[in-house]
Amino acid sequence: QVHLVESGGGPVQAGGSLKISCRSSRYTYSRRCMGWFRQAPGKEREGVAAIYTGSGVTYYADSVQGRFTISQGSAKNTLYLQMNSLKPEDSAMYYCALDLRTFGCGVSWYKVVKYNIWGQGTQVTVSS
């Protein structure tokens, strides 16, 4: 069974940076879509960024474009999200997700239903 474990969350001041990680229990997933989602209290889970492990093509939500960067580690079993210029509205539980049912990301990269493997989340709190 595949497990995803997020880490690196914590408190940070507005304008600051934070890098969160997601480690999978198994080796690299070729030609799969891996993503970061977030969920604030009382809100729906939303797609933040995704990466196609085959080519490295990345996808971002408009709200984080230019501030966040998704990447894979050299060992390919670790996913990162570098978050810069953080805002209070970025505060949320951040989840790592993996789609093992289809190949590629495509136009549905931001949809929760696309992913069938989820981590437990890591909390990011941005104070003003």
Protein backbone atom coordinates (compact mmCIF):
# COMPACT_ATOMS: atom_id res chain seq x y z
CA GLN A 1 0.00 0.00 0.00
CA VAL A 2 1.20 3.47 -0.87
CA HIS A 3 1.54 6.12 1.78
CA LEU A 4 2.22 9.82 1.46
CA VAL A 5 3.59 11.79 4.41
CA GLU A 6 3.75 15.57 4.42
CA SER A 7 6.08 17.64 6.57
CA GLY A 8 7.50 21.11 6.94
CA GLY A 9 4.40 23.10 7.79
CA GLY A 10 4.28 25.61 10.60
CA PRO A 11 3.72 29.24 11.46
CA VAL A 12 5.20 31.97 9.27
CA GLN A 13 4.73 35.70 8.96
CA ALA A 14 3.13 37.31 5.94
CA GLY A 15 5.70 37.90 3.23
CA GLY A 16 7.80 34.98 4.43
CA SER A 17 8.64 31.66 2.83
CA LEU A 18 8.11 28.03 3.68
CA LYS A 19 8.96 24.77 1.93
CA ILE A 20 6.81 21.75 2.59
CA SER A 21 7.60 18.19 1.59
CA CYS A 22 5.77 14.99 0.74
CA ARG A 23 7.52 11.66 0.88
CA SER A 24 6.00 8.57 -0.67
CA SER A 25 6.50 5.10 0.73
CA ARG A 26 7.45 3.71 -2.62
CA TYR A 27 9.88 4.67 -5.33
CA THR A 28 9.17 7.01 -8.21
CA TYR A 29 5.90 7.05 -10.05
CA SER A 30 6.49 7.35 -13.74
CA ARG A 31 4.05 9.35 -15.86
CA ARG A 32 1.78 10.16 -12.96
CA CYS A 33 0.27 13.35 -11.67
CA MET A 34 1.16 14.50 -8.18
CA GLY A 35 -0.37 17.54 -6.62
CA TRP A 36 -0.64 19.82 -3.64
CA PHE A 37 -4.04 20.78 -2.30
CA ARG A 38 -5.09 22.93 0.62
CA GLN A 39 -8.15 23.25 2.77
CA ALA A 40 -8.97 26.09 5.12
CA PRO A 41 -11.62 25.74 7.85
CA GLY A 42 -15.11 25.95 6.37
CA LYS A 43 -13.84 25.85 2.80
CA GLU A 44 -13.55 23.19 0.14
CA ARG A 45 -10.28 21.52 -0.65
CA GLU A 46 -8.65 23.28 -3.58
CA GLY A 47 -5.87 22.42 -5.97
CA VAL A 48 -2.76 24.53 -5.52
CA ALA A 49 -0.21 22.98 -7.87
CA ALA A 50 0.55 19.76 -9.69
CA ILE A 51 3.40 18.16 -11.57
CA TYR A 52 3.48 15.49 -14.25
CA THR A 53 6.27 13.16 -13.18
CA GLY A 54 6.94 12.09 -16.75
CA SER A 55 8.05 15.43 -18.16
CA GLY A 56 8.10 17.73 -15.15
CA VAL A 57 5.37 19.95 -16.56
CA THR A 58 3.79 21.96 -13.76
CA TYR A 59 0.38 23.45 -13.14
CA TYR A 60 -0.62 26.22 -10.73
CA ALA A 61 -3.74 27.84 -9.43
CA ASP A 62 -4.01 31.50 -10.35
CA SER A 63 -3.91 32.45 -6.67
CA VAL A 64 -0.38 31.06 -6.23
CA GLN A 65 1.11 31.50 -9.71
CA GLY A 66 4.47 33.22 -9.41
CA ARG A 67 4.71 32.66 -5.65
CA PHE A 68 4.68 28.88 -5.28
CA THR A 69 6.88 26.30 -6.97
CA ILE A 70 6.20 22.57 -7.10
CA SER A 71 9.11 20.22 -7.69
CA GLN A 72 10.32 16.66 -7.32
CA GLY A 73 13.33 15.59 -5.37
CA SER A 74 16.26 13.93 -7.11
CA ALA A 75 15.15 10.55 -5.77
CA LYS A 76 11.70 11.17 -7.28
CA ASN A 77 9.91 9.84 -4.20
CA THR A 78 9.71 13.29 -2.64
CA LEU A 79 7.50 16.18 -3.70
CA TYR A 80 8.11 19.75 -2.62
CA LEU A 81 6.15 22.97 -2.54
CA GLN A 82 8.21 26.12 -2.13
CA MET A 83 5.96 28.92 -0.98
CA ASN A 84 7.16 32.52 -1.16
CA SER A 85 5.49 35.84 -0.43
CA LEU A 86 3.00 34.08 1.78
CA LYS A 87 -0.27 35.75 2.61
CA PRO A 88 -2.69 35.15 5.49
CA GLU A 89 -5.15 33.68 2.99
CA ASP A 90 -2.62 30.94 2.24
CA SER A 91 -3.23 29.56 5.73
CA ALA A 92 -4.63 26.04 5.43
CA MET A 93 -3.94 22.37 5.83
CA TYR A 94 -1.84 21.35 2.86
CA TYR A 95 -2.24 17.88 1.38
CA CYS A 96 -0.12 15.90 -1.01
CA ALA A 97 -1.97 13.76 -3.55
CA LEU A 98 -1.14 11.14 -6.16
CA ASP A 99 -3.18 9.85 -9.08
CA LEU A 100 -2.42 6.18 -9.65
CA ARG A 101 -5.48 5.53 -11.80
CA THR A 102 -4.58 7.55 -14.89
CA PHE A 103 -1.49 8.82 -16.66
CA GLY A 104 -0.76 12.51 -16.80
CA CYS A 105 -2.29 15.61 -15.26
CA GLY A 106 -4.20 17.45 -17.97
CA VAL A 107 -6.99 19.94 -17.52
CA SER A 108 -8.31 18.10 -14.46
CA TRP A 109 -5.16 18.49 -12.40
CA TYR A 110 -6.93 20.66 -9.82
CA LYS A 111 -9.85 18.30 -9.18
CA VAL A 112 -9.93 16.40 -5.92
CA VAL A 113 -11.61 13.38 -7.52
CA LYS A 114 -8.68 12.85 -9.86
CA TYR A 115 -6.41 11.68 -7.04
CA ASN A 116 -6.78 8.41 -5.18
CA ILE A 117 -3.85 8.58 -2.75
CA TRP A 118 -3.70 11.29 -0.10
CA GLY A 119 -1.45 12.26 2.76
CA GLN A 120 -2.61 13.35 6.19
CA GLY A 121 -1.69 16.98 5.66
CA THR A 122 0.61 19.57 7.18
CA GLN A 123 -0.68 22.84 8.64
CA VAL A 124 0.55 26.17 7.31
CA THR A 125 -0.41 29.28 9.27
CA VAL A 126 0.45 32.72 7.95
CA SER A 127 0.10 35.61 10.36
CA SER A 128 -0.26 39.23 9.32
